[in-house]
Protein backbone atom coordinates (compact mmCIF):
# COMPACT_ATOMS: atom_id res chain seq x y z
CA MET A 1 32.96 58.72 11.51
CA LYS A 2 34.82 57.90 8.60
CA LYS A 3 35.45 54.53 10.14
CA PHE A 4 32.24 54.02 11.21
CA ILE A 5 30.86 54.24 7.83
CA VAL A 6 33.93 51.86 6.43
CA SER A 7 31.94 49.34 8.51
CA LEU A 8 28.48 50.43 8.02
CA THR A 9 28.57 49.54 4.37
CA ALA A 10 30.76 46.44 4.78
CA GLY A 11 27.94 44.89 7.00
CA LEU A 12 25.43 45.81 4.61
CA ILE A 13 27.49 43.96 1.45
CA THR A 14 27.63 41.64 3.95
CA GLY A 15 24.28 40.92 4.92
CA SER A 16 22.91 41.86 0.94
CA ALA A 17 25.42 39.02 0.32
CA LEU A 18 23.47 36.83 2.75
CA VAL A 19 20.11 37.50 1.35
CA ALA A 20 21.45 36.82 -2.09
CA LEU A 21 22.56 33.08 -0.91
CA ALA A 22 19.77 32.08 1.29
CA GLN A 23 17.83 32.21 -1.92
CA PRO A 24 17.22 29.13 -4.07
CA ALA A 25 19.54 29.66 -6.80
CA ASN A 26 16.16 27.86 -9.32
CA PHE A 27 13.66 30.21 -8.35
CA SER A 28 12.22 33.44 -9.59
CA GLY A 29 8.90 35.28 -10.44
CA SER A 30 5.97 33.78 -8.59
CA ALA A 31 7.97 31.53 -7.09
CA LEU A 32 9.77 33.78 -4.24
CA ASN A 33 6.54 35.11 -3.20
CA PRO A 34 5.01 32.24 -0.84
CA ALA A 35 1.59 33.61 -1.23
CA THR A 36 1.44 32.69 -4.69
CA ARG A 37 3.87 29.86 -5.12
CA THR A 38 2.87 26.27 -6.64
CA GLN A 39 3.81 22.84 -5.67
CA SER A 40 4.30 22.97 -9.73
CA ASP A 41 7.17 26.30 -8.83
CA ILE A 42 8.60 23.93 -6.14
CA ALA A 43 9.30 20.96 -7.64
CA THR A 44 10.25 22.72 -10.84
CA ALA A 45 12.81 24.26 -9.35
CA VAL A 46 13.86 21.22 -6.53
CA ALA A 47 14.16 19.02 -9.36
CA ASN A 48 16.59 16.71 -9.61
CA THR A 49 16.25 13.94 -12.65
CA ALA A 50 19.53 12.44 -11.04
CA ILE A 51 17.65 12.03 -7.61
CA LEU A 52 14.97 10.88 -9.42
CA GLN A 53 15.84 7.72 -11.31
CA ASP A 54 17.33 6.55 -8.08
CA GLN A 55 16.21 6.21 -5.13
CA SER A 56 16.40 3.11 -3.50
CA LYS A 57 17.89 1.88 0.34
CA VAL A 58 19.02 -1.76 -0.69
CA PRO A 59 18.99 -3.58 3.45
CA ASP A 60 22.09 -5.40 4.59
CA GLN A 61 23.03 -7.18 7.57
CA ASP A 62 23.11 -3.95 9.92
CA ASN A 63 19.41 -2.41 8.09
CA ARG A 64 17.82 -5.44 7.12
CA VAL A 65 14.40 -3.95 6.18
CA GLY A 66 15.03 -1.46 2.67
CA TYR A 67 13.24 -0.59 -0.76
CA VAL A 68 13.76 -0.62 -4.60
CA SER A 69 13.15 2.79 -6.09
CA VAL A 70 13.49 3.34 -9.61
CA LEU A 71 12.30 5.86 -12.56
CA PHE A 72 12.35 3.90 -16.33
CA ASP A 73 11.38 6.26 -18.66
CA VAL A 74 11.28 4.82 -22.29
CA ALA A 75 13.33 8.38 -24.00
CA ASN A 76 16.33 8.47 -21.48
CA GLN A 77 16.86 4.59 -21.56
CA GLY A 78 15.63 2.64 -24.24
CA GLY A 79 11.59 0.52 -25.18
CA THR A 80 13.65 -2.88 -27.25
CA GLY A 81 14.93 -5.94 -25.27
CA SER A 82 15.30 -6.31 -21.88
CA ILE A 83 16.36 -3.81 -19.37
CA ASP A 84 18.18 -3.22 -16.26
CA ILE A 85 18.11 -0.27 -14.07
CA GLY A 86 18.12 0.49 -10.42
CA PRO A 87 21.14 -1.35 -7.94
CA VAL A 88 21.63 -5.28 -7.66
CA VAL A 89 19.49 -6.80 -4.73
CA PRO A 90 21.57 -8.88 -2.64
CA VAL A 91 20.68 -12.48 -2.27
CA GLY A 92 18.67 -13.86 0.39
CA THR A 93 16.66 -10.52 0.21
CA VAL A 94 12.55 -10.87 0.75
CA VAL A 95 10.75 -8.74 -2.10
CA VAL A 96 7.46 -8.56 0.34
CA GLY A 97 5.73 -6.10 -2.09
CA GLY A 98 5.70 -3.62 -4.83
CA GLN A 99 4.05 -0.95 -7.04
CA ALA A 100 4.42 0.47 -10.62
CA HIS A 101 3.23 3.69 -10.96
CA VAL A 102 2.54 4.23 -14.55
CA VAL A 103 3.87 7.82 -14.94
CA THR A 104 3.15 8.47 -18.34
CA ALA A 105 2.09 5.36 -20.30
CA VAL A 106 3.90 2.49 -22.83
CA ALA A 107 2.94 3.20 -26.07
CA PRO A 108 2.28 0.87 -28.48
CA ALA A 109 -0.09 -0.47 -27.03
CA ALA A 110 1.46 -4.36 -28.23
CA ALA A 111 4.78 -2.87 -26.00
CA ALA A 112 2.09 -1.79 -23.16
CA THR A 113 0.57 -5.24 -23.38
CA ASN A 114 4.49 -7.59 -24.30
CA THR A 115 6.38 -5.86 -21.59
CA ALA A 116 7.17 -8.10 -17.95
CA ILE A 117 9.06 -6.08 -15.15
CA SER A 118 11.13 -9.19 -13.74
CA LEU A 119 13.64 -9.79 -10.99
CA GLN A 120 14.83 -13.05 -9.74
CA ALA A 121 12.31 -14.50 -13.16
CA SER A 122 11.27 -13.65 -16.18
CA GLY A 123 8.16 -11.68 -15.27
CA ASP A 124 7.92 -12.92 -11.53
CA LEU A 125 6.62 -8.77 -11.01
CA LYS A 126 4.62 -8.87 -13.46
CA ALA A 127 3.40 -10.78 -16.20
CA ALA A 128 3.81 -9.72 -19.97
CA ALA A 129 -0.23 -10.09 -20.33
CA THR A 130 -0.63 -7.43 -17.53
CA SER A 131 -1.11 -4.44 -19.69
CA ILE A 132 1.16 -0.58 -18.46
CA GLY A 133 -0.59 0.80 -21.44
CA SER A 134 -2.09 3.90 -19.02
CA ALA A 135 -1.45 6.25 -16.55
CA GLY A 136 -1.86 4.14 -12.28
CA LEU A 137 -1.16 1.67 -10.01
CA VAL A 138 0.28 -1.80 -10.87
CA SER A 139 1.05 -4.58 -8.56
CA LEU A 140 3.50 -6.82 -8.53
CA ILE A 141 4.07 -9.68 -6.63
CA PRO A 142 0.18 -9.65 -6.64
CA SER A 143 -0.45 -11.52 -3.31
CA THR A 144 -2.92 -14.37 -5.06
CA ALA A 145 -3.99 -15.87 -8.27
CA SER A 146 -6.25 -17.28 -9.80
CA VAL A 147 -5.37 -21.03 -10.69
CA SER A 148 -7.24 -23.74 -11.89
CA ILE A 149 -8.35 -27.09 -10.41
CA PRO A 150 -9.61 -29.83 -12.26
CA SER A 151 -12.85 -31.51 -9.99
CA GLY A 152 -13.44 -35.22 -11.28
CA THR A 153 -15.08 -33.98 -15.23
CA ASN A 154 -15.39 -31.01 -14.23
CA ALA A 155 -12.76 -27.59 -13.58
CA SER A 156 -12.79 -24.98 -11.62
CA THR A 157 -10.92 -21.70 -10.15
CA ALA A 158 -9.75 -20.84 -6.94
CA SER A 159 -7.51 -18.39 -5.38
CA VAL A 160 -4.38 -18.78 -3.95
CA THR A 161 -1.10 -17.01 -1.89
CA CYS A 162 1.34 -16.28 -3.57
CA SER A 163 5.26 -16.44 -1.71
CA PRO A 164 7.23 -13.70 -2.11
CA ILE A 165 9.97 -14.18 -4.00
CA VAL A 166 13.90 -14.82 -2.28
CA VAL A 167 16.86 -13.44 -4.05
CA THR A 168 19.35 -16.60 -4.78
CA GLY A 169 20.93 -15.23 -8.07
CA ALA A 170 23.78 -13.43 -6.90
CA ASN A 171 23.28 -10.61 -9.93
CA SER A 172 19.02 -9.60 -10.13
CA ARG A 173 18.07 -6.29 -10.51
CA VAL A 174 14.59 -4.95 -11.61
CA THR A 175 14.88 -5.41 -15.09
CA PHE A 176 12.01 -4.31 -18.26
CA ASP A 177 11.56 -7.53 -20.74
CA PHE A 178 9.86 -5.42 -24.13
CA GLY A 179 8.54 -8.59 -26.54
CA SER A 180 7.77 -5.43 -28.66
CA ASP A 181 9.53 -1.79 -29.10
CA ALA A 182 8.53 1.44 -26.84
CA THR A 183 8.45 4.98 -27.83
CA GLN A 184 7.09 5.48 -24.88
CA GLY A 185 7.13 5.31 -21.36
CA VAL A 186 7.59 6.21 -17.82
CA VAL A 187 7.08 4.37 -14.86
CA LEU A 188 8.62 3.95 -10.79
CA VAL A 189 8.63 1.12 -9.57
CA HIS A 190 8.94 0.51 -6.19
CA LEU A 191 9.87 -3.04 -4.21
CA ASP A 192 9.45 -3.52 0.14
CA LEU A 193 13.00 -5.80 0.43
CA ILE A 194 13.82 -7.97 4.21
CA LYS A 195 17.69 -9.81 4.17
CA VAL A 196 17.02 -12.33 6.09
CA GLN A 197 20.25 -14.16 5.28
């Protein structure tokens, strides 16, 4: 009987330890109850700022499709001059699309308007004239652009297709070029990449 009680006690202790290990360490209160758990509870419990900073998958010879997905935060990385973020994009990679998700508007207004986002050449992803002063999506490398076409004495404008960016520089990285100092702003930059060489 004594051996049975010792075995039962050991089993209960082991079972309690396993249940404790199965619970997420950051969950507490309503987050443990599926009926009352919110997305905010889950996001808070699993947030990892190191992971949020850079989730890029740069293409290579074996995996030719990839992306840059990197978070820029003025509070952590500064808002003056040129600031490189994310990984080096390999030579021979083509940027076929991209977006900047402005989570928190870049401020003050002069910084929002005078900030370019570059990769290969100054402002090739986003020209400084395009504001990132309000939350939402900003298209990077637009598929079309408006150009002036002279026609005799009258000028007209037309929409033309833009070429994708082909990386030729050995140390090309996403760069925020601040024309005016920024005091706040959080921007998630995402680029779709294909390795062609």
